[in-house]
């Protein structure tokens, strides 16, 4: 079953923000550009959601680099 809720949509947009970056880490600039623009939120609000997803084990925040997706929401 596909997760069509807000967090599912957020995760799909997060994965889309990877763009042409190499490796499994999504750089912060790509991430903030995509997510803040799509959801009309500030960086501070985006951080709040990222830390929530981290606490639930969906992503890992790599200090100074970006985000690594650990689990994909279907």
PDB file of N, CA and C in Angstrom:
ATOM      1  N   UNK A   1       0.836  -1.188   0.000  1.00  0.00           N
ATOM      2  CA  UNK A   1       0.000   0.000   0.000  1.00  0.00           C
ATOM      3  C   UNK A   1       0.878   1.247   0.000  1.00  0.00           C
ATOM      4  N   UNK A   2       0.569   2.163  -0.848  1.00  0.00           N
ATOM      5  CA  UNK A   2       1.351   3.383  -0.982  1.00  0.00           C
ATOM      6  C   UNK A   2       0.931   4.403   0.070  1.00  0.00           C
ATOM      7  N   UNK A   3       1.897   5.037   0.690  1.00  0.00           N
ATOM      8  CA  UNK A   3       1.609   6.041   1.706  1.00  0.00           C
ATOM      9  C   UNK A   3       1.353   7.389   1.022  1.00  0.00           C
ATOM     10  N   UNK A   4       0.090   7.817   1.008  1.00  0.00           N
ATOM     11  CA  UNK A   4      -0.258   9.069   0.363  1.00  0.00           C
ATOM     12  C   UNK A   4      -0.425  10.213   1.359  1.00  0.00           C
ATOM     13  N   UNK A   5      -0.050  10.010   2.594  1.00  0.00           N
ATOM     14  CA  UNK A   5      -0.152  11.063   3.595  1.00  0.00           C
ATOM     15  C   UNK A   5       0.936  12.105   3.398  1.00  0.00           C
ATOM     16  N   UNK A   6       0.939  13.073   4.261  1.00  0.00           N
ATOM     17  CA  UNK A   6       1.888  14.173   4.173  1.00  0.00           C
ATOM     18  C   UNK A   6       3.340  13.697   4.280  1.00  0.00           C
ATOM     19  N   UNK A   7       3.607  12.779   5.210  1.00  0.00           N
ATOM     20  CA  UNK A   7       4.990  12.316   5.375  1.00  0.00           C
ATOM     21  C   UNK A   7       5.421  11.448   4.198  1.00  0.00           C
ATOM     22  N   UNK A   8       4.482  10.693   3.609  1.00  0.00           N
ATOM     23  CA  UNK A   8       4.791   9.917   2.410  1.00  0.00           C
ATOM     24  C   UNK A   8       5.145  10.834   1.249  1.00  0.00           C
ATOM     25  N   UNK A   9       4.387  11.903   1.100  1.00  0.00           N
ATOM     26  CA  UNK A   9       4.659  12.890   0.058  1.00  0.00           C
ATOM     27  C   UNK A   9       6.005  13.569   0.306  1.00  0.00           C
ATOM     28  N   UNK A  10       6.274  13.895   1.555  1.00  0.00           N
ATOM     29  CA  UNK A  10       7.544  14.516   1.926  1.00  0.00           C
ATOM     30  C   UNK A  10       8.709  13.593   1.566  1.00  0.00           C
ATOM     31  N   UNK A  11       8.567  12.298   1.864  1.00  0.00           N
ATOM     32  CA  UNK A  11       9.630  11.336   1.548  1.00  0.00           C
ATOM     33  C   UNK A  11       9.822  11.207   0.038  1.00  0.00           C
ATOM     34  N   UNK A  12       8.736  11.204  -0.726  1.00  0.00           N
ATOM     35  CA  UNK A  12       8.872  11.122  -2.185  1.00  0.00           C
ATOM     36  C   UNK A  12       9.605  12.348  -2.726  1.00  0.00           C
ATOM     37  N   UNK A  13       9.258  13.520  -2.225  1.00  0.00           N
ATOM     38  CA  UNK A  13       9.942  14.750  -2.662  1.00  0.00           C
ATOM     39  C   UNK A  13      11.410  14.737  -2.219  1.00  0.00           C
ATOM     40  N   UNK A  14      11.666  14.199  -1.048  1.00  0.00           N
ATOM     41  CA  UNK A  14      13.038  14.091  -0.553  1.00  0.00           C
ATOM     42  C   UNK A  14      13.860  13.229  -1.515  1.00  0.00           C
ATOM     43  N   UNK A  15      13.312  12.106  -1.941  1.00  0.00           N
ATOM     44  CA  UNK A  15      14.016  11.231  -2.879  1.00  0.00           C
ATOM     45  C   UNK A  15      14.204  11.908  -4.234  1.00  0.00           C
ATOM     46  N   UNK A  16      13.233  12.696  -4.657  1.00  0.00           N
ATOM     47  CA  UNK A  16      13.350  13.425  -5.918  1.00  0.00           C
ATOM     48  C   UNK A  16      14.451  14.484  -5.851  1.00  0.00           C
ATOM     49  N   UNK A  17      14.738  14.990  -4.670  1.00  0.00           N
ATOM     50  CA  UNK A  17      15.725  16.057  -4.522  1.00  0.00           C
ATOM     51  C   UNK A  17      17.151  15.562  -4.711  1.00  0.00           C
ATOM     52  N   UNK A  18      17.329  14.252  -4.766  1.00  0.00           N
ATOM     53  CA  UNK A  18      18.671  13.700  -4.971  1.00  0.00           C
ATOM     54  C   UNK A  18      19.261  14.205  -6.273  1.00  0.00           C
ATOM     55  N   UNK A  19      18.422  14.294  -7.304  1.00  0.00           N
ATOM     56  CA  UNK A  19      18.881  14.834  -8.587  1.00  0.00           C
ATOM     57  C   UNK A  19      20.049  14.049  -9.143  1.00  0.00           C
ATOM     58  N   UNK A  20      21.084  14.761  -9.526  1.00  0.00           N
ATOM     59  CA  UNK A  20      22.248  14.139 -10.158  1.00  0.00           C
ATOM     60  C   UNK A  20      23.380  13.856  -9.174  1.00  0.00           C
ATOM     61  N   UNK A  21      23.120  14.017  -7.884  1.00  0.00           N
ATOM     62  CA  UNK A  21      24.175  13.787  -6.896  1.00  0.00           C
ATOM     63  C   UNK A  21      24.552  12.309  -6.883  1.00  0.00           C
ATOM     64  N   UNK A  22      25.826  12.072  -6.697  1.00  0.00           N
ATOM     65  CA  UNK A  22      26.340  10.698  -6.696  1.00  0.00           C
ATOM     66  C   UNK A  22      26.333  10.149  -5.286  1.00  0.00           C
ATOM     67  N   UNK A  23      26.295   8.833  -5.181  1.00  0.00           N
ATOM     68  CA  UNK A  23      26.277   8.193  -3.877  1.00  0.00           C
ATOM     69  C   UNK A  23      24.881   8.167  -3.305  1.00  0.00           C
ATOM     70  N   UNK A  24      24.800   7.788  -2.044  1.00  0.00           N
ATOM     71  CA  UNK A  24      23.484   7.638  -1.415  1.00  0.00           C
ATOM     72  C   UNK A  24      23.115   8.802  -0.502  1.00  0.00           C
ATOM     73  N   UNK A  25      23.950   9.836  -0.453  1.00  0.00           N
ATOM     74  CA  UNK A  25      23.663  10.998   0.393  1.00  0.00           C
ATOM     75  C   UNK A  25      23.050  12.114  -0.457  1.00  0.00           C
ATOM     76  N   UNK A  26      21.920  12.635  -0.004  1.00  0.00           N
ATOM     77  CA  UNK A  26      21.257  13.758  -0.675  1.00  0.00           C
ATOM     78  C   UNK A  26      21.791  15.041  -0.038  1.00  0.00           C
ATOM     79  N   UNK A  27      22.495  15.873  -0.798  1.00  0.00           N
ATOM     80  CA  UNK A  27      23.089  17.096  -0.232  1.00  0.00           C
ATOM     81  C   UNK A  27      22.029  18.066   0.305  1.00  0.00           C
ATOM     82  N   UNK A  28      22.373  18.740   1.401  1.00  0.00           N
ATOM     83  CA  UNK A  28      21.449  19.690   2.010  1.00  0.00           C
ATOM     84  C   UNK A  28      20.948  20.770   1.050  1.00  0.00           C
ATOM     85  N   UNK A  29      21.809  21.384   0.215  1.00  0.00           N
ATOM     86  CA  UNK A  29      21.282  22.425  -0.681  1.00  0.00           C
ATOM     87  C   UNK A  29      20.171  21.902  -1.608  1.00  0.00           C
ATOM     88  N   UNK A  30      20.362  20.718  -2.185  1.00  0.00           N
ATOM     89  CA  UNK A  30      19.338  20.114  -3.053  1.00  0.00           C
ATOM     90  C   UNK A  30      18.066  19.859  -2.260  1.00  0.00           C
ATOM     91  N   UNK A  31      18.256  19.319  -1.082  1.00  0.00           N
ATOM     92  CA  UNK A  31      17.134  18.937  -0.231  1.00  0.00           C
ATOM     93  C   UNK A  31      16.291  20.149   0.162  1.00  0.00           C
ATOM     94  N   UNK A  32      16.941  21.199   0.663  1.00  0.00           N
ATOM     95  CA  UNK A  32      16.210  22.385   1.098  1.00  0.00           C
ATOM     96  C   UNK A  32      15.548  23.101  -0.078  1.00  0.00           C
ATOM     97  N   UNK A  33      16.233  23.159  -1.218  1.00  0.00           N
ATOM     98  CA  UNK A  33      15.656  23.820  -2.387  1.00  0.00           C
ATOM     99  C   UNK A  33      14.359  23.133  -2.795  1.00  0.00           C
ATOM    100  N   UNK A  34      14.373  21.814  -2.848  1.00  0.00           N
ATOM    101  CA  UNK A  34      13.192  21.063  -3.282  1.00  0.00           C
ATOM    102  C   UNK A  34      12.083  21.090  -2.229  1.00  0.00           C
ATOM    103  N   UNK A  35      12.414  20.747  -0.992  1.00  0.00           N
ATOM    104  CA  UNK A  35      11.388  20.595   0.034  1.00  0.00           C
ATOM    105  C   UNK A  35      10.778  21.916   0.486  1.00  0.00           C
ATOM    106  N   UNK A  36      11.612  22.914   0.725  1.00  0.00           N
ATOM    107  CA  UNK A  36      11.087  24.199   1.198  1.00  0.00           C
ATOM    108  C   UNK A  36      10.214  24.856   0.134  1.00  0.00           C
ATOM    109  N   UNK A  37      10.609  24.729  -1.115  1.00  0.00           N
ATOM    110  CA  UNK A  37       9.826  25.323  -2.198  1.00  0.00           C
ATOM    111  C   UNK A  37       8.515  24.567  -2.397  1.00  0.00           C
ATOM    112  N   UNK A  38       8.563  23.224  -2.400  1.00  0.00           N
ATOM    113  CA  UNK A  38       7.363  22.417  -2.629  1.00  0.00           C
ATOM    114  C   UNK A  38       6.322  22.575  -1.528  1.00  0.00           C
ATOM    115  N   UNK A  39       6.781  22.671  -0.286  1.00  0.00           N
ATOM    116  CA  UNK A  39       5.849  22.725   0.846  1.00  0.00           C
ATOM    117  C   UNK A  39       5.668  24.139   1.405  1.00  0.00           C
ATOM    118  N   UNK A  40       6.345  25.114   0.819  1.00  0.00           N
ATOM    119  CA  UNK A  40       6.287  26.508   1.281  1.00  0.00           C
ATOM    120  C   UNK A  40       6.580  26.588   2.779  1.00  0.00           C
ATOM    121  N   UNK A  41       7.708  25.996   3.165  1.00  0.00           N
ATOM    122  CA  UNK A  41       8.132  26.005   4.563  1.00  0.00           C
ATOM    123  C   UNK A  41       9.526  26.601   4.666  1.00  0.00           C
ATOM    124  N   UNK A  42       9.888  27.009   5.876  1.00  0.00           N
ATOM    125  CA  UNK A  42      11.224  27.556   6.127  1.00  0.00           C
ATOM    126  C   UNK A  42      12.199  26.411   6.372  1.00  0.00           C
ATOM    127  N   UNK A  43      13.477  26.752   6.358  1.00  0.00           N
ATOM    128  CA  UNK A  43      14.501  25.745   6.666  1.00  0.00           C
ATOM    129  C   UNK A  43      14.299  25.183   8.075  1.00  0.00           C
ATOM    130  N   UNK A  44      13.949  26.049   9.014  1.00  0.00           N
ATOM    131  CA  UNK A  44      13.735  25.612  10.390  1.00  0.00           C
ATOM    132  C   UNK A  44      12.604  24.588  10.467  1.00  0.00           C
ATOM    133  N   UNK A  45      11.522  24.837   9.759  1.00  0.00           N
ATOM    134  CA  UNK A  45      10.404  23.896   9.734  1.00  0.00           C
ATOM    135  C   UNK A  45      10.801  22.593   9.046  1.00  0.00           C
ATOM    136  N   UNK A  46      11.611  22.702   8.002  1.00  0.00           N
ATOM    137  CA  UNK A  46      12.086  21.521   7.290  1.00  0.00           C
ATOM    138  C   UNK A  46      12.963  20.664   8.211  1.00  0.00           C
ATOM    139  N   UNK A  47      13.826  21.320   8.980  1.00  0.00           N
ATOM    140  CA  UNK A  47      14.663  20.595   9.944  1.00  0.00           C
ATOM    141  C   UNK A  47      13.796  19.812  10.930  1.00  0.00           C
ATOM    142  N   UNK A  48      12.720  20.418  11.383  1.00  0.00           N
ATOM    143  CA  UNK A  48      11.822  19.744  12.310  1.00  0.00           C
ATOM    144  C   UNK A  48      11.275  18.446  11.740  1.00  0.00           C
ATOM    145  N   UNK A  49      10.864  18.477  10.483  1.00  0.00           N
ATOM    146  CA  UNK A  49      10.339  17.272   9.834  1.00  0.00           C
ATOM    147  C   UNK A  49      11.456  16.259   9.600  1.00  0.00           C
ATOM    148  N   UNK A  50      12.635  16.737   9.196  1.00  0.00           N
ATOM    149  CA  UNK A  50      13.765  15.825   8.979  1.00  0.00           C
ATOM    150  C   UNK A  50      14.139  15.097  10.268  1.00  0.00           C
ATOM    151  N   UNK A  51      14.161  15.808  11.391  1.00  0.00           N
ATOM    152  CA  UNK A  51      14.500  15.162  12.656  1.00  0.00           C
ATOM    153  C   UNK A  51      13.411  14.187  13.095  1.00  0.00           C
ATOM    154  N   UNK A  52      12.172  14.480  12.779  1.00  0.00           N
ATOM    155  CA  UNK A  52      11.085  13.542  13.066  1.00  0.00           C
ATOM    156  C   UNK A  52      11.270  12.258  12.259  1.00  0.00           C
ATOM    157  N   UNK A  53      11.574  12.391  10.974  1.00  0.00           N
ATOM    158  CA  UNK A  53      11.806  11.216  10.126  1.00  0.00           C
ATOM    159  C   UNK A  53      13.045  10.440  10.583  1.00  0.00           C
ATOM    160  N   UNK A  54      14.042  11.171  11.078  1.00  0.00           N
ATOM    161  CA  UNK A  54      15.231  10.509  11.622  1.00  0.00           C
ATOM    162  C   UNK A  54      14.881   9.706  12.873  1.00  0.00           C
ATOM    163  N   UNK A  55      14.081  10.306  13.749  1.00  0.00           N
ATOM    164  CA  UNK A  55      13.696   9.631  14.986  1.00  0.00           C
ATOM    165  C   UNK A  55      12.893   8.360  14.715  1.00  0.00           C
ATOM    166  N   UNK A  56      12.132   8.343  13.619  1.00  0.00           N
ATOM    167  CA  UNK A  56      11.363   7.155  13.254  1.00  0.00           C
ATOM    168  C   UNK A  56      12.191   6.149  12.457  1.00  0.00           C
ATOM    169  N   UNK A  57      13.445   6.491  12.148  1.00  0.00           N
ATOM    170  CA  UNK A  57      14.341   5.553  11.478  1.00  0.00           C
ATOM    171  C   UNK A  57      14.235   5.513   9.965  1.00  0.00           C
ATOM    172  N   UNK A  58      13.607   6.526   9.356  1.00  0.00           N
ATOM    173  CA  UNK A  58      13.487   6.551   7.900  1.00  0.00           C
ATOM    174  C   UNK A  58      14.701   7.153   7.217  1.00  0.00           C
ATOM    175  N   UNK A  59      15.366   8.095   7.887  1.00  0.00           N
ATOM    176  CA  UNK A  59      16.541   8.746   7.309  1.00  0.00           C
ATOM    177  C   UNK A  59      17.642   8.854   8.355  1.00  0.00           C
ATOM    178  N   UNK A  60      18.838   9.141   7.868  1.00  0.00           N
ATOM    179  CA  UNK A  60      19.980   9.425   8.731  1.00  0.00           C
ATOM    180  C   UNK A  60      20.514  10.785   8.308  1.00  0.00           C
ATOM    181  N   UNK A  61      20.690  11.688   9.261  1.00  0.00           N
ATOM    182  CA  UNK A  61      21.213  13.017   8.962  1.00  0.00           C
ATOM    183  C   UNK A  61      22.726  12.970   9.121  1.00  0.00           C
ATOM    184  N   UNK A  62      23.446  13.253   8.033  1.00  0.00           N
ATOM    185  CA  UNK A  62      24.908  13.242   8.029  1.00  0.00           C
ATOM    186  C   UNK A  62      25.373  14.687   8.197  1.00  0.00           C
ATOM    187  N   UNK A  63      25.899  15.005   9.361  1.00  0.00           N
ATOM    188  CA  UNK A  63      26.301  16.368   9.707  1.00  0.00           C
ATOM    189  C   UNK A  63      27.248  16.955   8.650  1.00  0.00           C
ATOM    190  N   UNK A  64      26.875  18.107   8.130  1.00  0.00           N
ATOM    191  CA  UNK A  64      27.712  18.810   7.168  1.00  0.00           C
ATOM    192  C   UNK A  64      27.615  18.303   5.743  1.00  0.00           C
ATOM    193  N   UNK A  65      26.829  17.268   5.506  1.00  0.00           N
ATOM    194  CA  UNK A  65      26.756  16.702   4.155  1.00  0.00           C
ATOM    195  C   UNK A  65      25.338  16.646   3.618  1.00  0.00           C
ATOM    196  N   UNK A  66      24.483  15.900   4.290  1.00  0.00           N
ATOM    197  CA  UNK A  66      23.130  15.744   3.783  1.00  0.00           C
ATOM    198  C   UNK A  66      22.370  14.656   4.512  1.00  0.00           C
ATOM    199  N   UNK A  67      21.506  13.981   3.778  1.00  0.00           N
ATOM    200  CA  UNK A  67      20.615  12.974   4.346  1.00  0.00           C
ATOM    201  C   UNK A  67      20.754  11.672   3.569  1.00  0.00           C
ATOM    202  N   UNK A  68      20.763  10.576   4.293  1.00  0.00           N
ATOM    203  CA  UNK A  68      20.767   9.237   3.686  1.00  0.00           C
ATOM    204  C   UNK A  68      19.424   8.597   4.021  1.00  0.00           C
ATOM    205  N   UNK A  69      18.757   8.073   2.997  1.00  0.00           N
ATOM    206  CA  UNK A  69      17.467   7.406   3.205  1.00  0.00           C
ATOM    207  C   UNK A  69      17.749   5.972   3.639  1.00  0.00           C
ATOM    208  N   UNK A  70      17.172   5.586   4.783  1.00  0.00           N
ATOM    209  CA  UNK A  70      17.361   4.242   5.318  1.00  0.00           C
ATOM    210  C   UNK A  70      16.213   3.317   4.943  1.00  0.00           C
ATOM    211  N   UNK A  71      14.993   3.837   4.996  1.00  0.00           N
ATOM    212  CA  UNK A  71      13.790   3.071   4.659  1.00  0.00           C
ATOM    213  C   UNK A  71      12.929   3.918   3.759  1.00  0.00           C
ATOM    214  N   UNK A  72      12.379   3.289   2.752  1.00  0.00           N
ATOM    215  CA  UNK A  72      11.471   4.009   1.853  1.00  0.00           C
ATOM    216  C   UNK A  72      10.041   3.718   2.266  1.00  0.00           C
ATOM    217  N   UNK A  73       9.226   4.757   2.270  1.00  0.00           N
ATOM    218  CA  UNK A  73       7.812   4.592   2.550  1.00  0.00           C
ATOM    219  C   UNK A  73       7.142   4.209   1.236  1.00  0.00           C
ATOM    220  N   UNK A  74       6.428   3.103   1.222  1.00  0.00           N
ATOM    221  CA  UNK A  74       5.768   2.647  -0.014  1.00  0.00           C
ATOM    222  C   UNK A  74       4.529   3.422  -0.288  1.00  0.00           C
TER     223      UNK A  74
END
